[in-house]
Amino acid sequence: MNIRIIAIGKIKEDYLKNGINEYLKRLQKYAKVEIVELVDSSLPDNPNQSDIEKAKNQEGDRVLKILKPNDFVINLDMNKKEMESPDFANYLSKKFVEGGSRLTFVIGGSYGLSDKLKERANDAISLSKMTFLHQMTRLILLEQIYRAYKIMNNEIYHK
């Protein structure tokens, strides 16, 4: 199984880098996980809606440029369906059958996803209705993927 996470923006904080690296290491047993970081668009200090839409479109175009036609794309979108961890494990299992051996998760920029990127996605999920630091999303997604593999393999993992 192959998982690719395409994320807008670089991780700057060491504590997040360390956590991400820890879950990447743990996941090696179950899947090949690749993270692709794309540069985020710069915005003025007080962006207006036009500035935000332009940035979302630029970021979306960067993502679309590296997607292949047969990629099974799952956008992270806080306005979409939420799942409990066992449901997410079941979801992943089904999506590997439906989407082939590789799934691509997309984490948009701070202001979300472009309309074109939303249209390209095969599915979209929400990690929570809560708002997280944008850079934290990568760590939370990796932890949930790891937890899903533990559940799928009937292995013990703390609750």
N, C-alpha and C. Protein backbone atom coordinates (compact mmCIF):
# COMPACT_ATOMS: atom_id res chain seq x y z
N MET A 1 0.83 -1.18 0.00
CA MET A 1 0.00 0.00 0.00
C MET A 1 0.89 1.25 0.00
N ASN A 2 0.49 2.21 -0.81
CA ASN A 2 1.22 3.46 -0.92
C ASN A 2 0.29 4.62 -0.59
N ILE A 3 0.80 5.51 0.22
CA ILE A 3 0.06 6.71 0.59
C ILE A 3 0.95 7.91 0.30
N ARG A 4 0.37 8.86 -0.40
CA ARG A 4 1.08 10.10 -0.66
C ARG A 4 0.27 11.22 -0.02
N ILE A 5 0.94 12.08 0.69
CA ILE A 5 0.31 13.25 1.28
C ILE A 5 0.92 14.47 0.61
N ILE A 6 0.08 15.22 -0.09
CA ILE A 6 0.52 16.46 -0.71
C ILE A 6 0.05 17.58 0.19
N ALA A 7 0.99 18.39 0.66
CA ALA A 7 0.66 19.44 1.62
C ALA A 7 1.23 20.77 1.17
N ILE A 8 0.40 21.78 1.31
CA ILE A 8 0.85 23.14 1.01
C ILE A 8 1.56 23.69 2.25
N GLY A 9 2.75 24.19 2.07
CA GLY A 9 3.49 24.82 3.16
C GLY A 9 4.52 23.89 3.79
N LYS A 10 5.54 24.49 4.33
CA LYS A 10 6.61 23.75 4.99
C LYS A 10 6.36 23.69 6.48
N ILE A 11 6.82 22.61 7.09
CA ILE A 11 6.76 22.48 8.55
C ILE A 11 7.99 23.19 9.10
N LYS A 12 7.77 24.14 10.01
CA LYS A 12 8.88 24.93 10.55
C LYS A 12 9.24 24.53 11.97
N GLU A 13 8.27 24.09 12.75
CA GLU A 13 8.50 23.80 14.15
C GLU A 13 9.11 22.41 14.33
N ASP A 14 10.17 22.33 15.14
CA ASP A 14 10.85 21.06 15.36
C ASP A 14 9.95 20.00 16.00
N TYR A 15 9.08 20.42 16.94
CA TYR A 15 8.24 19.43 17.61
C TYR A 15 7.29 18.76 16.61
N LEU A 16 6.83 19.49 15.59
CA LEU A 16 5.99 18.89 14.57
C LEU A 16 6.80 17.99 13.65
N LYS A 17 7.99 18.45 13.27
CA LYS A 17 8.87 17.62 12.43
C LYS A 17 9.17 16.30 13.12
N ASN A 18 9.47 16.36 14.42
CA ASN A 18 9.79 15.15 15.18
C ASN A 18 8.59 14.20 15.23
N GLY A 19 7.41 14.74 15.47
CA GLY A 19 6.21 13.91 15.51
C GLY A 19 5.91 13.28 14.16
N ILE A 20 6.03 14.06 13.10
CA ILE A 20 5.79 13.56 11.75
C ILE A 20 6.78 12.44 11.43
N ASN A 21 8.05 12.66 11.74
CA ASN A 21 9.07 11.64 11.47
C ASN A 21 8.82 10.37 12.28
N GLU A 22 8.34 10.51 13.50
CA GLU A 22 8.02 9.34 14.33
C GLU A 22 6.91 8.50 13.69
N TYR A 23 5.86 9.15 13.22
CA TYR A 23 4.77 8.37 12.60
C TYR A 23 5.17 7.83 11.23
N LEU A 24 5.99 8.54 10.50
CA LEU A 24 6.49 7.99 9.23
C LEU A 24 7.29 6.71 9.49
N LYS A 25 8.09 6.74 10.56
CA LYS A 25 8.88 5.56 10.93
C LYS A 25 7.95 4.40 11.32
N ARG A 26 6.96 4.68 12.14
CA ARG A 26 6.02 3.64 12.58
C ARG A 26 5.23 3.05 11.40
N LEU A 27 4.91 3.89 10.44
CA LEU A 27 4.09 3.44 9.32
C LEU A 27 4.86 2.57 8.32
N GLN A 28 6.19 2.58 8.37
CA GLN A 28 6.99 1.79 7.43
C GLN A 28 6.60 0.32 7.44
N LYS A 29 6.15 -0.17 8.56
CA LYS A 29 5.75 -1.57 8.70
C LYS A 29 4.52 -1.89 7.84
N TYR A 30 3.70 -0.88 7.58
CA TYR A 30 2.41 -1.10 6.94
C TYR A 30 2.30 -0.58 5.52
N ALA A 31 2.96 0.54 5.24
CA ALA A 31 2.77 1.19 3.95
C ALA A 31 3.97 2.07 3.62
N LYS A 32 4.09 2.36 2.35
CA LYS A 32 5.07 3.35 1.92
C LYS A 32 4.34 4.69 1.94
N VAL A 33 4.83 5.62 2.76
CA VAL A 33 4.20 6.92 2.88
C VAL A 33 5.18 7.98 2.40
N GLU A 34 4.70 8.80 1.50
CA GLU A 34 5.51 9.88 0.94
C GLU A 34 4.80 11.20 1.23
N ILE A 35 5.57 12.19 1.65
CA ILE A 35 5.03 13.53 1.84
C ILE A 35 5.66 14.45 0.82
N VAL A 36 4.80 15.15 0.09
CA VAL A 36 5.24 16.13 -0.89
C VAL A 36 4.82 17.50 -0.39
N GLU A 37 5.81 18.34 -0.12
CA GLU A 37 5.53 19.71 0.34
C GLU A 37 5.60 20.65 -0.85
N LEU A 38 4.56 21.46 -0.98
CA LEU A 38 4.53 22.48 -2.03
C LEU A 38 4.51 23.85 -1.37
N VAL A 39 5.13 24.79 -2.01
CA VAL A 39 5.23 26.13 -1.44
C VAL A 39 3.84 26.77 -1.35
N ASP A 40 3.62 27.49 -0.26
CA ASP A 40 2.35 28.21 -0.12
C ASP A 40 2.48 29.57 -0.79
N SER A 41 1.36 30.13 -1.18
CA SER A 41 1.35 31.44 -1.82
C SER A 41 1.43 32.52 -0.76
N SER A 42 2.18 33.55 -1.07
CA SER A 42 2.30 34.65 -0.10
C SER A 42 1.08 35.55 -0.21
N LEU A 43 0.68 36.05 0.95
CA LEU A 43 -0.48 36.92 1.03
C LEU A 43 -0.12 38.18 1.81
N PRO A 44 -0.79 39.29 1.53
CA PRO A 44 -0.55 40.49 2.34
C PRO A 44 -1.05 40.26 3.77
N ASP A 45 -0.66 41.14 4.69
CA ASP A 45 -1.05 41.00 6.09
C ASP A 45 -2.56 40.96 6.29
N ASN A 46 -3.27 41.75 5.59
CA ASN A 46 -4.74 41.77 5.69
C ASN A 46 -5.33 41.43 4.32
N PRO A 47 -5.31 40.16 3.93
CA PRO A 47 -5.77 39.81 2.58
C PRO A 47 -7.28 40.01 2.43
N ASN A 48 -7.66 40.45 1.25
CA ASN A 48 -9.09 40.51 0.94
C ASN A 48 -9.49 39.20 0.26
N GLN A 49 -10.76 39.04 -0.02
CA GLN A 49 -11.25 37.78 -0.59
C GLN A 49 -10.60 37.48 -1.93
N SER A 50 -10.34 38.49 -2.72
CA SER A 50 -9.69 38.30 -4.01
C SER A 50 -8.27 37.76 -3.84
N ASP A 51 -7.53 38.29 -2.87
CA ASP A 51 -6.17 37.80 -2.57
C ASP A 51 -6.21 36.34 -2.16
N ILE A 52 -7.19 36.00 -1.32
CA ILE A 52 -7.32 34.63 -0.81
C ILE A 52 -7.65 33.67 -1.95
N GLU A 53 -8.59 34.04 -2.79
CA GLU A 53 -8.97 33.17 -3.92
C GLU A 53 -7.79 32.98 -4.87
N LYS A 54 -7.06 34.04 -5.12
CA LYS A 54 -5.88 33.94 -6.00
C LYS A 54 -4.86 32.97 -5.41
N ALA A 55 -4.61 33.08 -4.11
CA ALA A 55 -3.64 32.18 -3.45
C ALA A 55 -4.15 30.73 -3.50
N LYS A 56 -5.42 30.52 -3.20
CA LYS A 56 -5.98 29.15 -3.25
C LYS A 56 -5.85 28.56 -4.65
N ASN A 57 -6.11 29.38 -5.67
CA ASN A 57 -6.00 28.89 -7.05
C ASN A 57 -4.57 28.56 -7.42
N GLN A 58 -3.62 29.41 -6.99
CA GLN A 58 -2.21 29.13 -7.27
C GLN A 58 -1.78 27.83 -6.60
N GLU A 59 -2.14 27.67 -5.34
CA GLU A 59 -1.77 26.46 -4.60
C GLU A 59 -2.45 25.24 -5.22
N GLY A 60 -3.71 25.38 -5.57
CA GLY A 60 -4.43 24.28 -6.19
C GLY A 60 -3.80 23.86 -7.51
N ASP A 61 -3.38 24.84 -8.31
CA ASP A 61 -2.73 24.54 -9.59
C ASP A 61 -1.42 23.78 -9.37
N ARG A 62 -0.68 24.13 -8.30
CA ARG A 62 0.56 23.40 -8.00
C ARG A 62 0.26 21.93 -7.69
N VAL A 63 -0.79 21.70 -6.94
CA VAL A 63 -1.18 20.31 -6.61
C VAL A 63 -1.63 19.59 -7.88
N LEU A 64 -2.52 20.21 -8.64
CA LEU A 64 -3.06 19.57 -9.85
C LEU A 64 -1.95 19.21 -10.83
N LYS A 65 -0.90 20.01 -10.88
CA LYS A 65 0.22 19.78 -11.80
C LYS A 65 0.93 18.45 -11.50
N ILE A 66 0.95 18.02 -10.24
CA ILE A 66 1.69 16.79 -9.91
C ILE A 66 0.79 15.57 -9.76
N LEU A 67 -0.51 15.77 -9.85
CA LEU A 67 -1.42 14.61 -9.79
C LEU A 67 -1.43 13.90 -11.14
N LYS A 68 -1.49 12.59 -11.08
CA LYS A 68 -1.62 11.79 -12.29
C LYS A 68 -3.10 11.48 -12.50
N PRO A 69 -3.50 11.23 -13.75
CA PRO A 69 -4.93 10.99 -14.02
C PRO A 69 -5.53 9.82 -13.21
N ASN A 70 -4.72 8.82 -12.90
CA ASN A 70 -5.26 7.66 -12.17
C ASN A 70 -5.08 7.76 -10.65
N ASP A 71 -4.59 8.89 -10.14
CA ASP A 71 -4.45 9.06 -8.69
C ASP A 71 -5.83 9.10 -8.04
N PHE A 72 -5.98 8.38 -6.95
CA PHE A 72 -7.20 8.44 -6.15
C PHE A 72 -6.96 9.50 -5.09
N VAL A 73 -7.65 10.63 -5.22
CA VAL A 73 -7.37 11.82 -4.41
C VAL A 73 -8.44 12.01 -3.34
N ILE A 74 -7.97 12.18 -2.11
CA ILE A 74 -8.85 12.46 -0.98
C ILE A 74 -8.42 13.80 -0.39
N ASN A 75 -9.28 14.79 -0.53
CA ASN A 75 -8.99 16.11 0.04
C ASN A 75 -9.36 16.13 1.51
N LEU A 76 -8.59 16.86 2.29
CA LEU A 76 -8.98 17.14 3.66
C LEU A 76 -9.74 18.46 3.64
N ASP A 77 -10.97 18.41 4.10
CA ASP A 77 -11.85 19.56 4.02
C ASP A 77 -12.72 19.56 5.27
N MET A 78 -12.58 20.56 6.10
CA MET A 78 -13.29 20.56 7.38
C MET A 78 -14.81 20.61 7.24
N ASN A 79 -15.30 20.84 6.04
CA ASN A 79 -16.74 20.87 5.82
C ASN A 79 -17.30 19.53 5.34
N LYS A 80 -16.48 18.52 5.32
CA LYS A 80 -16.92 17.21 4.83
C LYS A 80 -17.14 16.25 5.99
N LYS A 81 -17.33 14.97 5.65
CA LYS A 81 -17.71 13.99 6.66
C LYS A 81 -16.58 13.71 7.65
N GLU A 82 -16.98 13.56 8.90
CA GLU A 82 -16.06 13.18 9.97
C GLU A 82 -16.27 11.70 10.28
N MET A 83 -15.23 11.07 10.81
CA MET A 83 -15.32 9.66 11.17
C MET A 83 -14.64 9.41 12.49
N GLU A 84 -15.11 8.38 13.18
CA GLU A 84 -14.37 7.88 14.34
C GLU A 84 -13.25 7.00 13.79
N SER A 85 -12.25 6.73 14.61
CA SER A 85 -11.07 6.00 14.13
C SER A 85 -11.39 4.62 13.53
N PRO A 86 -12.26 3.80 14.13
CA PRO A 86 -12.58 2.51 13.49
C PRO A 86 -13.24 2.70 12.12
N ASP A 87 -14.05 3.73 11.99
CA ASP A 87 -14.68 4.01 10.70
C ASP A 87 -13.64 4.45 9.68
N PHE A 88 -12.66 5.22 10.12
CA PHE A 88 -11.59 5.65 9.22
C PHE A 88 -10.77 4.45 8.76
N ALA A 89 -10.51 3.50 9.65
CA ALA A 89 -9.79 2.28 9.27
C ALA A 89 -10.56 1.53 8.18
N ASN A 90 -11.85 1.40 8.36
CA ASN A 90 -12.70 0.74 7.38
C ASN A 90 -12.72 1.52 6.06
N TYR A 91 -12.80 2.82 6.17
CA TYR A 91 -12.77 3.71 5.01
C TYR A 91 -11.48 3.51 4.20
N LEU A 92 -10.34 3.54 4.91
CA LEU A 92 -9.05 3.36 4.22
C LEU A 92 -9.00 2.01 3.51
N SER A 93 -9.42 0.99 4.19
CA SER A 93 -9.42 -0.35 3.62
C SER A 93 -10.25 -0.38 2.33
N LYS A 94 -11.42 0.19 2.36
CA LYS A 94 -12.29 0.23 1.18
C LYS A 94 -11.69 1.08 0.07
N LYS A 95 -11.07 2.20 0.42
CA LYS A 95 -10.51 3.09 -0.59
C LYS A 95 -9.30 2.46 -1.28
N PHE A 96 -8.55 1.62 -0.57
CA PHE A 96 -7.44 0.93 -1.23
C PHE A 96 -7.97 -0.04 -2.28
N VAL A 97 -9.13 -0.62 -2.05
CA VAL A 97 -9.74 -1.50 -3.04
C VAL A 97 -10.28 -0.65 -4.20
N GLU A 98 -11.00 0.40 -3.85
CA GLU A 98 -11.63 1.26 -4.85
C GLU A 98 -10.61 2.06 -5.65
N GLY A 99 -9.60 2.58 -4.97
CA GLY A 99 -8.66 3.49 -5.61
C GLY A 99 -7.35 2.87 -6.04
N GLY A 100 -7.19 1.59 -5.82
CA GLY A 100 -5.93 0.95 -6.17
C GLY A 100 -4.99 0.94 -4.99
N SER A 101 -3.76 0.65 -5.25
CA SER A 101 -2.80 0.49 -4.15
C SER A 101 -2.22 1.81 -3.65
N ARG A 102 -2.61 2.93 -4.25
CA ARG A 102 -2.08 4.22 -3.80
C ARG A 102 -3.20 5.23 -3.60
N LEU A 103 -3.18 5.83 -2.43
CA LEU A 103 -4.10 6.92 -2.11
C LEU A 103 -3.31 8.20 -1.95
N THR A 104 -3.88 9.30 -2.41
CA THR A 104 -3.25 10.60 -2.27
C THR A 104 -4.15 11.50 -1.44
N PHE A 105 -3.65 11.92 -0.28
CA PHE A 105 -4.37 12.89 0.54
C PHE A 105 -3.83 14.27 0.23
N VAL A 106 -4.71 15.25 0.17
CA VAL A 106 -4.30 16.63 -0.11
C VAL A 106 -4.68 17.51 1.07
N ILE A 107 -3.67 18.21 1.60
CA ILE A 107 -3.87 19.20 2.65
C ILE A 107 -3.63 20.56 2.01
N GLY A 108 -4.68 21.34 1.90
CA GLY A 108 -4.58 22.65 1.25
C GLY A 108 -3.86 23.65 2.12
N GLY A 109 -3.81 24.86 1.64
CA GLY A 109 -3.16 25.94 2.37
C GLY A 109 -4.04 26.43 3.50
N SER A 110 -3.59 27.48 4.15
CA SER A 110 -4.28 28.02 5.32
C SER A 110 -5.72 28.43 5.05
N TYR A 111 -6.02 28.79 3.82
CA TYR A 111 -7.37 29.23 3.48
C TYR A 111 -8.19 28.17 2.76
N GLY A 112 -7.64 26.96 2.66
CA GLY A 112 -8.42 25.87 2.09
C GLY A 112 -8.00 25.50 0.69
N LEU A 113 -8.95 24.89 -0.02
CA LEU A 113 -8.71 24.28 -1.32
C LEU A 113 -9.38 25.08 -2.43
N SER A 114 -8.76 25.08 -3.60
CA SER A 114 -9.35 25.75 -4.75
C SER A 114 -10.54 24.92 -5.25
N ASP A 115 -11.43 25.56 -5.97
CA ASP A 115 -12.58 24.86 -6.53
C ASP A 115 -12.14 23.77 -7.51
N LYS A 116 -11.10 24.05 -8.31
CA LYS A 116 -10.61 23.05 -9.27
C LYS A 116 -10.09 21.81 -8.55
N LEU A 117 -9.42 22.03 -7.44
CA LEU A 117 -8.89 20.90 -6.66
C LEU A 117 -10.03 20.11 -6.03
N LYS A 118 -11.05 20.79 -5.58
CA LYS A 118 -12.22 20.10 -5.02
C LYS A 118 -12.90 19.26 -6.09
N GLU A 119 -12.99 19.79 -7.30
CA GLU A 119 -13.61 19.04 -8.40
C GLU A 119 -12.79 17.82 -8.79
N ARG A 120 -11.47 17.91 -8.70
CA ARG A 120 -10.59 16.80 -9.09
C ARG A 120 -10.63 15.65 -8.11
N ALA A 121 -10.91 15.93 -6.86
CA ALA A 121 -10.85 14.90 -5.81
C ALA A 121 -11.87 13.80 -6.05
N ASN A 122 -11.48 12.58 -5.67
CA ASN A 122 -12.40 11.45 -5.69
C ASN A 122 -13.26 11.43 -4.44
N ASP A 123 -12.76 12.03 -3.37
CA ASP A 123 -13.49 12.07 -2.11
C ASP A 123 -12.89 13.17 -1.25
N ALA A 124 -13.57 13.48 -0.17
CA ALA A 124 -13.08 14.47 0.78
C ALA A 124 -13.57 14.08 2.17
N ILE A 125 -12.70 14.27 3.15
CA ILE A 125 -13.04 13.96 4.53
C ILE A 125 -12.59 15.11 5.43
N SER A 126 -13.12 15.10 6.64
CA SER A 126 -12.73 16.07 7.65
C SER A 126 -12.08 15.33 8.81
N LEU A 127 -11.00 15.87 9.34
CA LEU A 127 -10.40 15.30 10.54
C LEU A 127 -11.17 15.73 11.77
N SER A 128 -11.82 16.89 11.69
CA SER A 128 -12.57 17.42 12.83
C SER A 128 -13.25 18.71 12.41
N LYS A 129 -14.27 19.09 13.15
CA LYS A 129 -14.87 20.41 12.94
C LYS A 129 -14.06 21.48 13.67
N MET A 130 -13.16 21.04 14.54
CA MET A 130 -12.29 21.98 15.25
C MET A 130 -11.26 22.55 14.28
N THR A 131 -10.75 23.72 14.60
CA THR A 131 -9.70 24.33 13.81
C THR A 131 -8.36 24.01 14.45
N PHE A 132 -7.44 23.47 13.63
CA PHE A 132 -6.09 23.16 14.10
C PHE A 132 -5.11 24.13 13.44
N LEU A 133 -3.95 24.29 14.05
CA LEU A 133 -2.87 24.98 13.34
C LEU A 133 -2.69 24.24 12.02
N HIS A 134 -2.56 24.99 10.96
CA HIS A 134 -2.49 24.37 9.64
C HIS A 134 -1.38 23.31 9.56
N GLN A 135 -0.22 23.62 10.13
CA GLN A 135 0.90 22.70 10.04
C GLN A 135 0.69 21.44 10.88
N MET A 136 -0.20 21.51 11.86
CA MET A 136 -0.47 20.36 12.72
C MET A 136 -1.28 19.28 12.00
N THR A 137 -1.97 19.66 10.96
CA THR A 137 -2.84 18.73 10.24
C THR A 137 -2.07 17.51 9.73
N ARG A 138 -0.88 17.73 9.25
CA ARG A 138 -0.07 16.63 8.72
C ARG A 138 0.19 15.57 9.81
N LEU A 139 0.56 16.04 11.00
CA LEU A 139 0.83 15.13 12.12
C LEU A 139 -0.44 14.38 12.52
N ILE A 140 -1.56 15.09 12.61
CA ILE A 140 -2.82 14.46 13.00
C ILE A 140 -3.23 13.41 11.97
N LEU A 141 -3.10 13.73 10.68
CA LEU A 141 -3.45 12.77 9.63
C LEU A 141 -2.57 11.52 9.73
N LEU A 142 -1.26 11.71 9.89
CA LEU A 142 -0.36 10.55 10.00
C LEU A 142 -0.69 9.69 11.20
N GLU A 143 -1.02 10.31 12.33
CA GLU A 143 -1.38 9.53 13.52
C GLU A 143 -2.64 8.73 13.26
N GLN A 144 -3.61 9.32 12.59
CA GLN A 144 -4.86 8.60 12.31
C GLN A 144 -4.65 7.48 11.29
N ILE A 145 -3.77 7.68 10.33
CA ILE A 145 -3.45 6.60 9.39
C ILE A 145 -2.77 5.45 10.13
N TYR A 146 -1.84 5.79 11.02
CA TYR A 146 -1.17 4.76 11.81
C TYR A 146 -2.19 4.00 12.67
N ARG A 147 -3.06 4.74 13.33
CA ARG A 147 -4.10 4.13 14.17
C ARG A 147 -4.98 3.22 13.31
N ALA A 148 -5.32 3.64 12.11
CA ALA A 148 -6.15 2.84 11.22
C ALA A 148 -5.46 1.51 10.88
N TYR A 149 -4.17 1.56 10.60
CA TYR A 149 -3.45 0.31 10.32
C TYR A 149 -3.43 -0.61 11.53
N LYS A 150 -3.26 -0.05 12.71
CA LYS A 150 -3.29 -0.88 13.92
C LYS A 150 -4.67 -1.54 14.07
N ILE A 151 -5.72 -0.79 13.81
CA ILE A 151 -7.08 -1.34 13.89
C ILE A 151 -7.28 -2.41 12.82
N MET A 152 -6.87 -2.14 11.59
CA MET A 152 -7.04 -3.10 10.48
C MET A 152 -6.31 -4.41 10.77
N ASN A 153 -5.21 -4.33 11.51
CA ASN A 153 -4.41 -5.52 11.79
C ASN A 153 -4.68 -6.11 13.18
N ASN A 154 -5.76 -5.64 13.82
CA ASN A 154 -6.13 -6.12 15.15
C ASN A 154 -4.97 -6.04 16.14
N GLU A 155 -4.22 -4.96 16.07
CA GLU A 155 -3.09 -4.74 16.96
C GLU A 155 -3.48 -3.73 18.04
N ILE A 156 -2.88 -3.86 19.18
CA ILE A 156 -3.20 -2.96 20.30
C ILE A 156 -2.50 -1.62 20.07
N TYR A 157 -3.26 -0.58 20.31
CA TYR A 157 -2.74 0.79 20.25
C TYR A 157 -3.52 1.57 21.29
N HIS A 158 -2.83 2.42 22.03
CA HIS A 158 -3.50 3.12 23.12
C HIS A 158 -4.68 3.94 22.63
N LYS A 159 -5.64 4.11 23.51
CA LYS A 159 -6.84 4.88 23.15
C LYS A 159 -6.74 6.28 23.65
